[in-house]
Amino acid sequence: MSMKIIICDVGDAACAFVTSANGKTMMIDCGCSLDSDKTNPVDVFHQYKDWLGSRYFKNHYNGRIYPITLLHITHPDDDHVRNARRVVNDLTPYLVLKNDYELFPDGNEINDEYKELIDKQYRGQYSSPIDWGFEVNETCRIPVDVCVKNDDLSSKVRNNSSIIRYIYDNGVGILFCGDLERPGWDYLVKNNPDFINTLRRYGVKILIAPHHGHKSGFPKALFDVIGNVDIIIHSKDTEASKEGTDVSSQYSSMASGHSYEVHKAAYSGKVLTTRSNGHIFIETSGYGNYAIYACSASPNHKRLY
């Protein structure tokens, strides 16, 4: 069995699924697109759950079955949480990792459905330990109160308190960055040596870019530590140099590139985006190898065969 990942095409929102080799499934953020032409992530999960190898989690304490083992909310911006009702109704998570909404100075402005259906409902201790089977599975965050008090971080408290996650399995390291802004990266690299040393030791091959690929989130301090990655994934337009965009064109210089497959044709690229590539699928195969599949090819990527 392998680790499998889907980065969902949800427009400018964020939602991903990660399934470990033993069938535990993590949902990272629960955003959905405001565009009715985009498939809701709940439907994406049902469509591809066999490919993911997802096995519903059974809590032996109460005997309940949960489709999602863990819902990881990086931060409660609307584009990361506005699918709360469908997620709770159709993919009830066993656990939720988040910052409680009351911690934020503007907590009253956070999505009401998310607060009522998820945030307020997941406050207690859980009874069954989770065996993910990953070699490394770590999170890191700048506390909300630190962001509030720090002049460099306080203008974007929600973004800079994003809970980021690093998973390493089968020789492949992947980093989910939430919406952490550049000053947040500067702070995190300086003040969280244990987490940064983990990234150094195991490496990052796949980076889910912070803040959807915006220039404001370009993590120079991170790249200074870890060097180049294989591939970078975000939700904005691949043509980062297009006039009027707010997408960082620096990402392509920080990636070595990797092949991906679209309908049995292979392409090579450094930056994949859900805007250009649709849903993006990743499957590890051991010894540091992995395959990437996408629904469509970026117009500026070279076809290999």
C-alpha atoms as a PDB file:
ATOM      1  CA  MET A   1       0.000   0.000   0.000  1.00  0.00           C
ATOM      2  CA  SER A   2       1.076   3.580  -0.588  1.00  0.00           C
ATOM      3  CA  MET A   3       0.302   7.097   0.522  1.00  0.00           C
ATOM      4  CA  LYS A   4      -2.204   8.734  -1.827  1.00  0.00           C
ATOM      5  CA  ILE A   5      -3.133  12.391  -2.060  1.00  0.00           C
ATOM      6  CA  ILE A   6      -5.731  14.427  -3.931  1.00  0.00           C
ATOM      7  CA  ILE A   7      -5.329  18.186  -4.205  1.00  0.00           C
ATOM      8  CA  CYS A   8      -8.857  19.221  -5.114  1.00  0.00           C
ATOM      9  CA  ASP A   9      -9.679  21.764  -7.770  1.00  0.00           C
ATOM     10  CA  VAL A  10     -11.782  24.169  -5.712  1.00  0.00           C
ATOM     11  CA  GLY A  11     -10.965  27.430  -7.453  1.00  0.00           C
ATOM     12  CA  ASP A  12      -9.312  29.887  -5.069  1.00  0.00           C
ATOM     13  CA  ALA A  13     -10.279  27.798  -2.034  1.00  0.00           C
ATOM     14  CA  ALA A  14      -8.364  24.911  -0.416  1.00  0.00           C
ATOM     15  CA  CYS A  15      -9.115  21.247   0.217  1.00  0.00           C
ATOM     16  CA  ALA A  16      -7.005  18.086   0.011  1.00  0.00           C
ATOM     17  CA  PHE A  17      -7.240  14.430   1.019  1.00  0.00           C
ATOM     18  CA  VAL A  18      -4.336  12.317   2.269  1.00  0.00           C
ATOM     19  CA  THR A  19      -4.709   8.581   2.848  1.00  0.00           C
ATOM     20  CA  SER A  20      -1.994   6.582   4.577  1.00  0.00           C
ATOM     21  CA  ALA A  21      -1.035   3.042   3.634  1.00  0.00           C
ATOM     22  CA  ASN A  22      -3.275   1.661   6.372  1.00  0.00           C
ATOM     23  CA  GLY A  23      -6.346   3.486   5.063  1.00  0.00           C
ATOM     24  CA  LYS A  24      -6.595   6.393   7.524  1.00  0.00           C
ATOM     25  CA  THR A  25      -7.776   9.534   5.741  1.00  0.00           C
ATOM     26  CA  MET A  26      -6.946  13.123   6.559  1.00  0.00           C
ATOM     27  CA  MET A  27      -8.845  16.045   5.043  1.00  0.00           C
ATOM     28  CA  ILE A  28      -6.753  19.205   4.993  1.00  0.00           C
ATOM     29  CA  ASP A  29      -9.079  22.219   4.996  1.00  0.00           C
ATOM     30  CA  CYS A  30     -12.688  22.057   3.864  1.00  0.00           C
ATOM     31  CA  GLY A  31     -13.065  24.860   1.382  1.00  0.00           C
ATOM     32  CA  CYS A  32     -15.140  24.672  -1.763  1.00  0.00           C
ATOM     33  CA  SER A  33     -15.444  26.763  -4.872  1.00  0.00           C
ATOM     34  CA  LEU A  34     -18.117  29.412  -5.298  1.00  0.00           C
ATOM     35  CA  ASP A  35     -18.208  28.349  -8.954  1.00  0.00           C
ATOM     36  CA  SER A  36     -21.016  25.838  -9.460  1.00  0.00           C
ATOM     37  CA  ASP A  37     -19.062  24.231 -12.307  1.00  0.00           C
ATOM     38  CA  LYS A  38     -16.452  22.942  -9.830  1.00  0.00           C
ATOM     39  CA  THR A  39     -17.052  19.565  -8.176  1.00  0.00           C
ATOM     40  CA  ASN A  40     -17.618  19.756  -4.444  1.00  0.00           C
ATOM     41  CA  PRO A  41     -14.746  18.048  -2.541  1.00  0.00           C
ATOM     42  CA  VAL A  42     -17.218  15.761  -0.770  1.00  0.00           C
ATOM     43  CA  ASP A  43     -18.218  14.401  -4.170  1.00  0.00           C
ATOM     44  CA  VAL A  44     -14.549  14.174  -5.162  1.00  0.00           C
ATOM     45  CA  PHE A  45     -13.935  11.971  -2.113  1.00  0.00           C
ATOM     46  CA  HIS A  46     -16.828   9.655  -2.936  1.00  0.00           C
ATOM     47  CA  GLN A  47     -15.741   9.462  -6.569  1.00  0.00           C
ATOM     48  CA  TYR A  48     -12.146   8.523  -5.754  1.00  0.00           C
ATOM     49  CA  LYS A  49     -12.332   6.847  -2.334  1.00  0.00           C
ATOM     50  CA  ASP A  50     -11.525   3.446  -3.842  1.00  0.00           C
ATOM     51  CA  TRP A  51      -8.431   4.894  -5.508  1.00  0.00           C
ATOM     52  CA  LEU A  52      -7.490   6.575  -2.236  1.00  0.00           C
ATOM     53  CA  GLY A  53      -7.837   3.256  -0.449  1.00  0.00           C
ATOM     54  CA  SER A  54      -9.740   5.033   2.304  1.00  0.00           C
ATOM     55  CA  ARG A  55     -11.111   2.855   5.101  1.00  0.00           C
ATOM     56  CA  TYR A  56     -13.675   4.351   7.418  1.00  0.00           C
ATOM     57  CA  PHE A  57     -12.385   4.849  10.955  1.00  0.00           C
ATOM     58  CA  LYS A  58     -14.197   2.969  13.700  1.00  0.00           C
ATOM     59  CA  ASN A  59     -14.058   4.411  17.193  1.00  0.00           C
ATOM     60  CA  HIS A  60     -14.121   1.368  19.444  1.00  0.00           C
ATOM     61  CA  TYR A  61     -15.261   3.498  22.369  1.00  0.00           C
ATOM     62  CA  ASN A  62     -18.669   4.337  20.901  1.00  0.00           C
ATOM     63  CA  GLY A  63     -18.736   2.035  17.879  1.00  0.00           C
ATOM     64  CA  ARG A  64     -19.337   4.871  15.435  1.00  0.00           C
ATOM     65  CA  ILE A  65     -17.917   4.870  11.920  1.00  0.00           C
ATOM     66  CA  TYR A  66     -16.251   8.018  10.605  1.00  0.00           C
ATOM     67  CA  PRO A  67     -15.442   8.519   6.890  1.00  0.00           C
ATOM     68  CA  ILE A  68     -12.660  11.019   7.726  1.00  0.00           C
ATOM     69  CA  THR A  69     -10.193  10.186  10.474  1.00  0.00           C
ATOM     70  CA  LEU A  70      -8.944  13.762  10.882  1.00  0.00           C
ATOM     71  CA  LEU A  71     -10.036  17.129   9.546  1.00  0.00           C
ATOM     72  CA  HIS A  72      -7.061  19.470   9.684  1.00  0.00           C
ATOM     73  CA  ILE A  73      -8.059  23.144   9.439  1.00  0.00           C
ATOM     74  CA  THR A  74      -4.983  25.227   8.698  1.00  0.00           C
ATOM     75  CA  HIS A  75      -6.864  28.454   9.549  1.00  0.00           C
ATOM     76  CA  PRO A  76     -10.499  29.569   9.473  1.00  0.00           C
ATOM     77  CA  ASP A  77     -10.604  31.882   6.475  1.00  0.00           C
ATOM     78  CA  ASP A  78     -13.852  31.384   4.594  1.00  0.00           C
ATOM     79  CA  ASP A  79     -12.195  29.825   1.538  1.00  0.00           C
ATOM     80  CA  HIS A  80     -10.741  27.098   3.792  1.00  0.00           C
ATOM     81  CA  VAL A  81     -13.880  26.259   5.799  1.00  0.00           C
ATOM     82  CA  ARG A  82     -17.035  27.215   3.906  1.00  0.00           C
ATOM     83  CA  ASN A  83     -17.925  23.611   2.999  1.00  0.00           C
ATOM     84  CA  ALA A  84     -18.499  22.755   6.672  1.00  0.00           C
ATOM     85  CA  ARG A  85     -22.125  21.654   6.391  1.00  0.00           C
ATOM     86  CA  ARG A  86     -21.551  19.159   3.589  1.00  0.00           C
ATOM     87  CA  VAL A  87     -18.428  17.801   5.263  1.00  0.00           C
ATOM     88  CA  VAL A  88     -20.172  17.238   8.585  1.00  0.00           C
ATOM     89  CA  ASN A  89     -23.269  15.730   6.989  1.00  0.00           C
ATOM     90  CA  ASP A  90     -21.527  13.469   4.465  1.00  0.00           C
ATOM     91  CA  LEU A  91     -17.938  12.941   5.682  1.00  0.00           C
ATOM     92  CA  THR A  92     -18.184  13.266   9.452  1.00  0.00           C
ATOM     93  CA  PRO A  93     -14.621  13.509  10.803  1.00  0.00           C
ATOM     94  CA  TYR A  94     -13.543  11.647  13.920  1.00  0.00           C
ATOM     95  CA  LEU A  95     -11.061  14.336  14.982  1.00  0.00           C
ATOM     96  CA  VAL A  96     -10.551  17.993  14.097  1.00  0.00           C
ATOM     97  CA  LEU A  97      -7.277  19.893  14.482  1.00  0.00           C
ATOM     98  CA  LYS A  98      -7.739  23.679  14.554  1.00  0.00           C
ATOM     99  CA  ASN A  99      -7.292  26.892  16.457  1.00  0.00           C
ATOM    100  CA  ASP A 100     -10.499  27.638  18.367  1.00  0.00           C
ATOM    101  CA  TYR A 101     -12.294  30.577  16.797  1.00  0.00           C
ATOM    102  CA  GLU A 102     -12.421  32.575  20.076  1.00  0.00           C
ATOM    103  CA  LEU A 103      -8.635  32.931  19.943  1.00  0.00           C
ATOM    104  CA  PHE A 104      -8.876  35.261  16.958  1.00  0.00           C
ATOM    105  CA  PRO A 105      -9.527  38.980  17.505  1.00  0.00           C
ATOM    106  CA  ASP A 106     -12.076  38.829  14.684  1.00  0.00           C
ATOM    107  CA  GLY A 107     -13.536  35.481  15.716  1.00  0.00           C
ATOM    108  CA  ASN A 108     -17.080  36.812  15.439  1.00  0.00           C
ATOM    109  CA  GLU A 109     -16.502  37.288  11.687  1.00  0.00           C
ATOM    110  CA  ILE A 110     -15.524  33.659  11.028  1.00  0.00           C
ATOM    111  CA  ASN A 111     -17.914  31.539   8.953  1.00  0.00           C
ATOM    112  CA  ASP A 112     -20.939  30.802  11.167  1.00  0.00           C
ATOM    113  CA  GLU A 113     -21.643  27.315   9.815  1.00  0.00           C
ATOM    114  CA  TYR A 114     -18.044  26.313  10.426  1.00  0.00           C
ATOM    115  CA  LYS A 115     -18.173  27.658  13.983  1.00  0.00           C
ATOM    116  CA  GLU A 116     -21.440  25.949  14.859  1.00  0.00           C
ATOM    117  CA  LEU A 117     -21.013  22.628  13.065  1.00  0.00           C
ATOM    118  CA  ILE A 118     -17.284  21.995  13.480  1.00  0.00           C
ATOM    119  CA  ASP A 119     -15.391  24.370  15.744  1.00  0.00           C
ATOM    120  CA  LYS A 120     -17.748  24.286  18.727  1.00  0.00           C
ATOM    121  CA  GLN A 121     -18.449  20.568  18.329  1.00  0.00           C
ATOM    122  CA  TYR A 122     -14.831  19.393  18.511  1.00  0.00           C
ATOM    123  CA  ARG A 123     -13.481  20.508  21.879  1.00  0.00           C
ATOM    124  CA  GLY A 124     -13.090  17.301  23.910  1.00  0.00           C
ATOM    125  CA  GLN A 125     -10.504  14.562  24.257  1.00  0.00           C
ATOM    126  CA  TYR A 126     -10.586  11.597  21.921  1.00  0.00           C
ATOM    127  CA  SER A 127     -10.492   8.011  23.117  1.00  0.00           C
ATOM    128  CA  SER A 128      -8.882   5.993  20.332  1.00  0.00           C
ATOM    129  CA  PRO A 129      -5.250   6.606  19.313  1.00  0.00           C
ATOM    130  CA  ILE A 130      -4.593   7.062  15.593  1.00  0.00           C
ATOM    131  CA  ASP A 131      -2.005   4.861  13.934  1.00  0.00           C
ATOM    132  CA  TRP A 132      -1.316   6.700  10.698  1.00  0.00           C
ATOM    133  CA  GLY A 133       1.629   4.551   9.702  1.00  0.00           C
ATOM    134  CA  PHE A 134       3.571   7.542   8.349  1.00  0.00           C
ATOM    135  CA  GLU A 135       7.286   7.680   9.103  1.00  0.00           C
ATOM    136  CA  VAL A 136       6.929  11.361   9.994  1.00  0.00           C
ATOM    137  CA  ASN A 137       3.696  13.258  10.585  1.00  0.00           C
ATOM    138  CA  GLU A 138       4.259  16.621  12.294  1.00  0.00           C
ATOM    139  CA  THR A 139       2.496  19.953  12.577  1.00  0.00           C
ATOM    140  CA  CYS A 140       3.791  23.403  13.406  1.00  0.00           C
ATOM    141  CA  ARG A 141       2.084  26.712  14.133  1.00  0.00           C
ATOM    142  CA  ILE A 142       2.754  30.193  15.426  1.00  0.00           C
ATOM    143  CA  PRO A 143       0.344  30.691  18.349  1.00  0.00           C
ATOM    144  CA  VAL A 144      -2.477  33.139  17.677  1.00  0.00           C
ATOM    145  CA  ASP A 145      -1.546  35.310  20.674  1.00  0.00           C
ATOM    146  CA  VAL A 146       2.019  35.608  19.369  1.00  0.00           C
ATOM    147  CA  CYS A 147       0.702  36.777  15.988  1.00  0.00           C
ATOM    148  CA  VAL A 148      -1.544  39.330  17.663  1.00  0.00           C
ATOM    149  CA  LYS A 149       1.323  40.852  19.656  1.00  0.00           C
ATOM    150  CA  ASN A 150       3.993  40.745  16.936  1.00  0.00           C
ATOM    151  CA  ASP A 151       4.072  43.835  14.680  1.00  0.00           C
ATOM    152  CA  ASP A 152       5.298  41.808  11.703  1.00  0.00           C
ATOM    153  CA  LEU A 153       2.548  39.211  12.030  1.00  0.00           C
ATOM    154  CA  SER A 154      -0.452  41.089  13.377  1.00  0.00           C
ATOM    155  CA  SER A 155      -1.762  42.429  10.076  1.00  0.00           C
ATOM    156  CA  LYS A 156      -2.629  38.860   8.970  1.00  0.00           C
ATOM    157  CA  VAL A 157      -3.268  36.956  12.189  1.00  0.00           C
ATOM    158  CA  ARG A 158      -5.319  34.150  10.660  1.00  0.00           C
ATOM    159  CA  ASN A 159      -2.843  33.501   7.865  1.00  0.00           C
ATOM    160  CA  ASN A 160       0.231  33.691  10.068  1.00  0.00           C
ATOM    161  CA  SER A 161      -1.225  31.310  12.641  1.00  0.00           C
ATOM    162  CA  SER A 162      -1.841  28.658   9.967  1.00  0.00           C
ATOM    163  CA  ILE A 163      -1.212  25.130  11.203  1.00  0.00           C
ATOM    164  CA  ILE A 164       1.157  23.634   8.659  1.00  0.00           C
ATOM    165  CA  ARG A 165       1.734  19.896   8.272  1.00  0.00           C
ATOM    166  CA  TYR A 166       4.692  17.824   7.118  1.00  0.00           C
ATOM    167  CA  ILE A 167       4.272  14.180   6.116  1.00  0.00           C
ATOM    168  CA  TYR A 168       7.131  11.893   5.143  1.00  0.00           C
ATOM    169  CA  ASP A 169       6.399   8.406   3.887  1.00  0.00           C
ATOM    170  CA  ASN A 170       7.974   6.006   1.401  1.00  0.00           C
ATOM    171  CA  GLY A 171      10.868   8.433   0.981  1.00  0.00           C
ATOM    172  CA  VAL A 172       8.607  11.327  -0.053  1.00  0.00           C
ATOM    173  CA  GLY A 173       8.190  14.492   2.034  1.00  0.00           C
ATOM    174  CA  ILE A 174       5.217  16.776   1.419  1.00  0.00           C
ATOM    175  CA  LEU A 175       4.574  20.091   3.163  1.00  0.00           C
ATOM    176  CA  PHE A 176       1.102  21.654   3.408  1.00  0.00           C
ATOM    177  CA  CYS A 177       1.609  25.360   4.102  1.00  0.00           C
ATOM    178  CA  GLY A 178      -1.824  26.849   4.732  1.00  0.00           C
ATOM    179  CA  ASP A 179      -1.796  30.602   4.117  1.00  0.00           C
ATOM    180  CA  LEU A 180       1.358  31.405   6.086  1.00  0.00           C
ATOM    181  CA  GLU A 181       2.705  34.774   4.927  1.00  0.00           C
ATOM    182  CA  ARG A 182       6.339  35.689   4.308  1.00  0.00           C
ATOM    183  CA  PRO A 183       6.823  37.273   7.786  1.00  0.00           C
ATOM    184  CA  GLY A 184       5.335  34.102   9.273  1.00  0.00           C
ATOM    185  CA  TRP A 185       7.952  32.006   7.505  1.00  0.00           C
ATOM    186  CA  ASP A 186      10.692  34.274   8.797  1.00  0.00           C
ATOM    187  CA  TYR A 187       9.384  33.829  12.340  1.00  0.00           C
ATOM    188  CA  LEU A 188       8.804  30.086  12.046  1.00  0.00           C
ATOM    189  CA  VAL A 189      12.258  29.332  10.641  1.00  0.00           C
ATOM    190  CA  LYS A 190      13.902  31.358  13.402  1.00  0.00           C
ATOM    191  CA  ASN A 191      11.810  30.121  16.338  1.00  0.00           C
ATOM    192  CA  ASN A 192      10.880  26.497  15.579  1.00  0.00           C
ATOM    193  CA  PRO A 193      14.225  24.693  15.196  1.00  0.00           C
ATOM    194  CA  ASP A 194      12.873  21.189  15.870  1.00  0.00           C
ATOM    195  CA  PHE A 195      10.350  21.376  13.047  1.00  0.00           C
ATOM    196  CA  ILE A 196      12.822  22.995  10.664  1.00  0.00           C
ATOM    197  CA  ASN A 197      15.443  20.361  11.473  1.00  0.00           C
ATOM    198  CA  THR A 198      12.881  17.675  10.603  1.00  0.00           C
ATOM    199  CA  LEU A 199      12.417  19.282   7.184  1.00  0.00           C
ATOM    200  CA  ARG A 200      16.185  19.444   6.746  1.00  0.00           C
ATOM    201  CA  ARG A 201      16.683  15.834   7.759  1.00  0.00           C
ATOM    202  CA  TYR A 202      13.971  14.248   5.639  1.00  0.00           C
ATOM    203  CA  GLY A 203      13.592  16.795   2.860  1.00  0.00           C
ATOM    204  CA  VAL A 204      10.616  18.245   1.011  1.00  0.00           C
ATOM    205  CA  LYS A 205       9.874  16.896  -2.443  1.00  0.00           C
ATOM    206  CA  ILE A 206       6.367  18.321  -2.849  1.00  0.00           C
ATOM    207  CA  LEU A 207       5.372  21.763  -1.579  1.00  0.00           C
ATOM    208  CA  ILE A 208       1.739  22.818  -1.386  1.00  0.00           C
ATOM    209  CA  ALA A 209       2.478  26.510  -1.717  1.00  0.00           C
ATOM    210  CA  PRO A 210       1.421  28.942   1.001  1.00  0.00           C
ATOM    211  CA  HIS A 211      -1.460  31.349   0.393  1.00  0.00           C
ATOM    212  CA  HIS A 212      -2.488  29.749  -2.895  1.00  0.00           C
ATOM    213  CA  GLY A 213       0.746  30.885  -4.573  1.00  0.00           C
ATOM    214  CA  HIS A 214       0.366  34.607  -3.817  1.00  0.00           C
ATOM    215  CA  LYS A 215       3.508  36.713  -3.716  1.00  0.00           C
ATOM    216  CA  SER A 216       2.772  37.588  -0.094  1.00  0.00           C
ATOM    217  CA  GLY A 217       3.321  33.987   0.942  1.00  0.00           C
ATOM    218  CA  PHE A 218       6.508  33.197  -0.978  1.00  0.00           C
ATOM    219  CA  PRO A 219       8.597  31.379   1.684  1.00  0.00           C
ATOM    220  CA  LYS A 220      12.125  32.598   0.968  1.00  0.00           C
ATOM    221  CA  ALA A 221      13.220  31.773   4.521  1.00  0.00           C
ATOM    222  CA  LEU A 222      12.011  28.193   4.041  1.00  0.00           C
ATOM    223  CA  PHE A 223      13.775  27.723   0.717  1.00  0.00           C
ATOM    224  CA  ASP A 224      16.962  29.124   2.255  1.00  0.00           C
ATOM    225  CA  VAL A 225      16.797  26.176   4.664  1.00  0.00           C
ATOM    226  CA  ILE A 226      15.553  23.284   2.527  1.00  0.00           C
ATOM    227  CA  GLY A 227      16.762  24.290  -0.940  1.00  0.00           C
ATOM    228  CA  ASN A 228      14.872  23.325  -4.068  1.00  0.00           C
ATOM    229  CA  VAL A 229      11.916  20.944  -4.062  1.00  0.00           C
ATOM    230  CA  ASP A 230      10.762  18.667  -6.896  1.00  0.00           C
ATOM    231  CA  ILE A 231       7.356  20.138  -7.550  1.00  0.00           C
ATOM    232  CA  ILE A 232       5.194  22.992  -6.272  1.00  0.00           C
ATOM    233  CA  ILE A 233       1.397  22.923  -6.289  1.00  0.00           C
ATOM    234  CA  HIS A 234      -0.975  25.858  -5.815  1.00  0.00           C
ATOM    235  CA  SER A 235      -4.380  27.056  -6.959  1.00  0.00           C
ATOM    236  CA  LYS A 236      -3.542  30.106  -9.050  1.00  0.00           C
ATOM    237  CA  ASP A 237      -2.715  30.541 -12.716  1.00  0.00           C
ATOM    238  CA  THR A 238       0.441  28.834 -13.984  1.00  0.00           C
ATOM    239  CA  GLU A 239       1.257  31.896 -16.075  1.00  0.00           C
ATOM    240  CA  ALA A 240       2.584  33.742 -13.039  1.00  0.00           C
ATOM    241  CA  SER A 241       4.179  36.503 -15.085  1.00  0.00           C
ATOM    242  CA  LYS A 242       0.871  37.448 -16.687  1.00  0.00           C
ATOM    243  CA  GLU A 243       0.194  41.150 -16.212  1.00  0.00           C
ATOM    244  CA  GLY A 244      -2.041  41.892 -13.270  1.00  0.00           C
ATOM    245  CA  THR A 245      -1.547  38.611 -11.404  1.00  0.00           C
ATOM    246  CA  ASP A 246      -0.524  38.364  -7.780  1.00  0.00           C
ATOM    247  CA  VAL A 247       1.151  34.977  -8.205  1.00  0.00           C
ATOM    248  CA  SER A 248       4.812  34.542  -7.370  1.00  0.00           C
ATOM    249  CA  SER A 249       6.895  33.824 -10.456  1.00  0.00           C
ATOM    250  CA  GLN A 250       9.766  32.850  -8.131  1.00  0.00           C
ATOM    251  CA  TYR A 251       8.373  29.384  -7.503  1.00  0.00           C
ATOM    252  CA  SER A 252       9.541  27.950 -10.818  1.00  0.00           C
ATOM    253  CA  SER A 253      13.145  28.756  -9.901  1.00  0.00           C
ATOM    254  CA  MET A 254      12.793  26.794  -6.648  1.00  0.00           C
ATOM    255  CA  ALA A 255      11.603  23.525  -8.208  1.00  0.00           C
ATOM    256  CA  SER A 256      13.592  20.916 -10.107  1.00  0.00           C
ATOM    257  CA  GLY A 257      10.562  19.593 -11.970  1.00  0.00           C
ATOM    258  CA  HIS A 258       8.751  16.276 -12.210  1.00  0.00           C
ATOM    259  CA  SER A 259       6.728  14.400 -14.785  1.00  0.00           C
ATOM    260  CA  TYR A 260       2.967  13.947 -14.539  1.00  0.00           C
ATOM    261  CA  GLU A 261       0.416  12.020 -16.531  1.00  0.00           C
ATOM    262  CA  VAL A 262      -2.778  13.197 -18.201  1.00  0.00           C
ATOM    263  CA  HIS A 263      -4.854  10.532 -19.961  1.00  0.00           C
ATOM    264  CA  LYS A 264      -1.777   8.359 -20.630  1.00  0.00           C
ATOM    265  CA  ALA A 265       0.228  11.286 -22.011  1.00  0.00           C
ATOM    266  CA  ALA A 266       3.209  12.505 -19.974  1.00  0.00           C
ATOM    267  CA  TYR A 267       4.257  16.099 -19.347  1.00  0.00           C
ATOM    268  CA  SER A 268       7.042  17.756 -17.409  1.00  0.00           C
ATOM    269  CA  GLY A 269       6.635  20.798 -15.189  1.00  0.00           C
ATOM    270  CA  LYS A 270       7.876  22.561 -12.093  1.00  0.00           C
ATOM    271  CA  VAL A 271       4.661  24.220 -10.897  1.00  0.00           C
ATOM    272  CA  LEU A 272       1.266  22.547 -11.102  1.00  0.00           C
ATOM    273  CA  THR A 273      -1.908  24.452 -10.342  1.00  0.00           C
ATOM    274  CA  THR A 274      -5.456  23.289  -9.889  1.00  0.00           C
ATOM    275  CA  ARG A 275      -6.456  26.263 -12.064  1.00  0.00           C
ATOM    276  CA  SER A 276      -4.613  24.731 -15.025  1.00  0.00           C
ATOM    277  CA  ASN A 277      -4.442  21.049 -14.102  1.00  0.00           C
ATOM    278  CA  GLY A 278      -7.730  20.361 -12.303  1.00  0.00           C
ATOM    279  CA  HIS A 279      -7.612  17.774  -9.525  1.00  0.00           C
ATOM    280  CA  ILE A 280      -4.051  16.635  -8.875  1.00  0.00           C
ATOM    281  CA  PHE A 281      -3.348  13.075  -7.684  1.00  0.00           C
ATOM    282  CA  ILE A 282      -0.136  11.878  -6.043  1.00  0.00           C
ATOM    283  CA  GLU A 283       0.810   8.273  -5.273  1.00  0.00           C
ATOM    284  CA  THR A 284       4.039   7.119  -3.616  1.00  0.00           C
ATOM    285  CA  SER A 285       5.671   3.864  -4.674  1.00  0.00           C
ATOM    286  CA  GLY A 286       8.611   3.458  -2.305  1.00  0.00           C
ATOM    287  CA  TYR A 287      12.282   4.408  -2.279  1.00  0.00           C
ATOM    288  CA  GLY A 288      11.445   8.069  -2.766  1.00  0.00           C
ATOM    289  CA  ASN A 289       9.489   7.505  -5.953  1.00  0.00           C
ATOM    290  CA  TYR A 290       6.034   8.890  -6.669  1.00  0.00           C
ATOM    291  CA  ALA A 291       3.677   9.459  -9.573  1.00  0.00           C
ATOM    292  CA  ILE A 292       1.523  12.491 -10.292  1.00  0.00           C
ATOM    293  CA  TYR A 293      -1.685  12.433 -12.323  1.00  0.00           C
ATOM    294  CA  ALA A 294      -3.767  15.426 -13.368  1.00  0.00           C
ATOM    295  CA  CYS A 295      -7.026  16.046 -15.193  1.00  0.00           C
ATOM    296  CA  SER A 296      -5.456  18.364 -17.756  1.00  0.00           C
ATOM    297  CA  ALA A 297      -2.048  19.656 -18.808  1.00  0.00           C
ATOM    298  CA  SER A 298      -0.694  23.157 -18.337  1.00  0.00           C
ATOM    299  CA  PRO A 299      -0.335  24.947 -21.688  1.00  0.00           C
ATOM    300  CA  ASN A 300       3.286  25.873 -20.971  1.00  0.00           C
ATOM    301  CA  HIS A 301       4.430  22.381 -19.951  1.00  0.00           C
ATOM    302  CA  LYS A 302       6.456  20.172 -22.284  1.00  0.00           C
ATOM    303  CA  ARG A 303       4.858  16.970 -23.510  1.00  0.00           C
ATOM    304  CA  LEU A 304       7.189  13.986 -23.089  1.00  0.00           C
ATOM    305  CA  TYR A 305       5.132  11.395 -24.974  1.00  0.00           C
END
